Protein backbone atom coordinates (compact mmCIF):
# COMPACT_ATOMS: atom_id res chain seq x y z
CA PRO A 1 -13.43 -42.27 6.64
CA ILE A 2 -11.44 -39.44 4.99
CA TRP A 3 -10.33 -38.08 8.35
CA ASP A 4 -9.50 -41.56 9.66
CA ALA A 5 -7.35 -42.40 6.63
CA ASN A 6 -5.54 -39.08 6.29
CA CYS A 7 -5.75 -36.85 9.34
CA VAL A 8 -6.02 -38.75 12.60
CA MET A 9 -2.93 -40.94 12.93
CA ALA A 10 -0.39 -39.09 15.10
CA CYS A 11 -1.90 -35.68 14.34
CA HIS A 12 -5.57 -34.88 15.03
CA GLU A 13 -6.04 -37.44 17.81
CA PRO A 14 -5.55 -37.17 21.57
CA ALA A 15 -1.82 -36.66 22.25
CA GLY A 16 -1.21 -36.14 18.51
CA SER A 17 0.89 -33.29 17.16
CA ALA A 18 -2.21 -31.29 16.18
CA ALA A 19 -4.47 -32.31 19.07
CA SER A 20 -4.56 -28.76 20.38
CA SER A 21 -6.05 -27.41 17.14
CA VAL A 22 -8.92 -29.83 16.42
CA LEU A 23 -9.59 -33.50 17.12
CA LEU A 24 -10.85 -35.53 14.18
CA THR A 25 -11.65 -38.72 16.06
CA PRO A 26 -15.12 -40.30 16.00
CA GLY A 27 -17.51 -38.41 18.20
CA GLU A 28 -15.36 -35.26 18.23
CA ALA A 29 -14.69 -34.37 14.60
CA TYR A 30 -18.07 -32.89 13.73
CA ASP A 31 -18.40 -30.77 16.86
CA GLY A 32 -14.82 -29.55 16.48
CA LEU A 33 -15.17 -28.53 12.84
CA VAL A 34 -18.65 -27.34 11.96
CA ASP A 35 -19.39 -23.74 12.94
CA LYS A 36 -16.25 -23.68 15.12
CA ASN A 37 -13.56 -21.04 14.93
CA SER A 38 -9.95 -22.00 14.47
CA ILE A 39 -7.91 -21.83 17.67
CA ALA A 40 -4.89 -20.37 15.86
CA PHE A 41 -6.96 -17.96 13.74
CA PRO A 42 -10.14 -17.18 15.71
CA SER A 43 -11.64 -15.05 12.95
CA LEU A 44 -11.73 -18.11 10.66
CA VAL A 45 -14.37 -20.84 10.90
CA HIS A 46 -13.25 -24.39 10.16
CA VAL A 47 -16.45 -25.36 8.30
CA VAL A 48 -19.19 -22.92 7.33
CA PRO A 49 -22.16 -25.11 6.38
CA GLY A 50 -23.26 -24.39 2.82
CA ASN A 51 -20.15 -22.40 1.92
CA ARG A 52 -16.86 -24.14 1.24
CA ASP A 53 -15.21 -20.90 0.08
CA ASP A 54 -15.65 -19.39 3.56
CA SER A 55 -14.45 -22.58 5.28
CA TYR A 56 -10.89 -22.62 6.61
CA LEU A 57 -10.74 -26.42 6.23
CA TRP A 58 -11.39 -26.06 2.50
CA HIS A 59 -8.46 -23.68 2.18
CA LYS A 60 -6.16 -25.88 4.28
CA ILE A 61 -6.72 -28.90 2.01
CA ASN A 62 -6.30 -26.77 -1.12
CA ASN A 63 -3.19 -24.92 0.12
CA THR A 64 -4.85 -21.51 -0.14
CA GLN A 65 -4.92 -20.91 3.63
CA LEU A 66 -2.41 -18.03 3.48
CA GLU A 67 -4.52 -16.15 0.91
CA PHE A 68 -7.56 -16.73 3.16
CA GLY A 69 -5.86 -15.18 6.20
CA GLY A 70 -4.77 -18.42 7.85
CA GLY A 71 -1.39 -19.99 8.25
CA GLY A 72 0.59 -23.15 8.56
CA SER A 73 0.93 -25.87 6.00
CA LYS A 74 -1.38 -27.59 3.58
CA MET A 75 -3.26 -30.48 5.14
CA PRO A 76 -2.75 -33.30 5.51
CA LEU A 77 0.91 -33.02 6.37
CA GLY A 78 3.08 -35.62 4.67
CA GLY A 79 0.24 -36.81 2.49
CA MET A 80 -2.15 -35.84 -0.19
CA LEU A 81 -5.89 -36.15 -0.45
CA SER A 82 -7.19 -37.60 -3.68
CA SER A 83 -9.13 -35.29 -5.96
CA ASP A 84 -12.20 -37.44 -5.20
CA ASP A 85 -11.77 -36.87 -1.45
CA ILE A 86 -11.33 -33.12 -1.97
CA THR A 87 -14.47 -33.06 -4.10
CA LYS A 88 -16.40 -35.03 -1.44
CA ILE A 89 -15.32 -32.62 1.29
CA GLY A 90 -16.32 -29.60 -0.82
CA GLU A 91 -19.70 -31.15 -1.64
CA TRP A 92 -20.28 -32.08 2.01
CA ILE A 93 -19.61 -28.48 3.07
CA ASN A 94 -21.70 -26.94 0.28
CA GLN A 95 -24.61 -29.30 1.01
CA GLY A 96 -24.79 -28.06 4.59
CA ALA A 97 -22.10 -30.16 6.35
CA LYS A 98 -24.65 -32.55 7.81
CA PRO A 99 -23.43 -35.12 10.37
């Protein structure tokens, strides 16, 4: 639900502006994020199960991606995740990023 509400529309969906980086549509989001390297920064893994601090996604939503060796802008573009959503994402990653 977090991806659907904040990340998919016009960006991380087929033909979206960020479709070439990772698709966050149902059936594709998990496989595209968990234990998968970033296309733009292949040395960085989007989601490292059990470790949010080593997860590029965590840094992108907290605007620390440049310090982590990544690039680009904070995600989501043009919006802001609630602190509850950020907490949920961090907990999901730290608890093993289960589907």
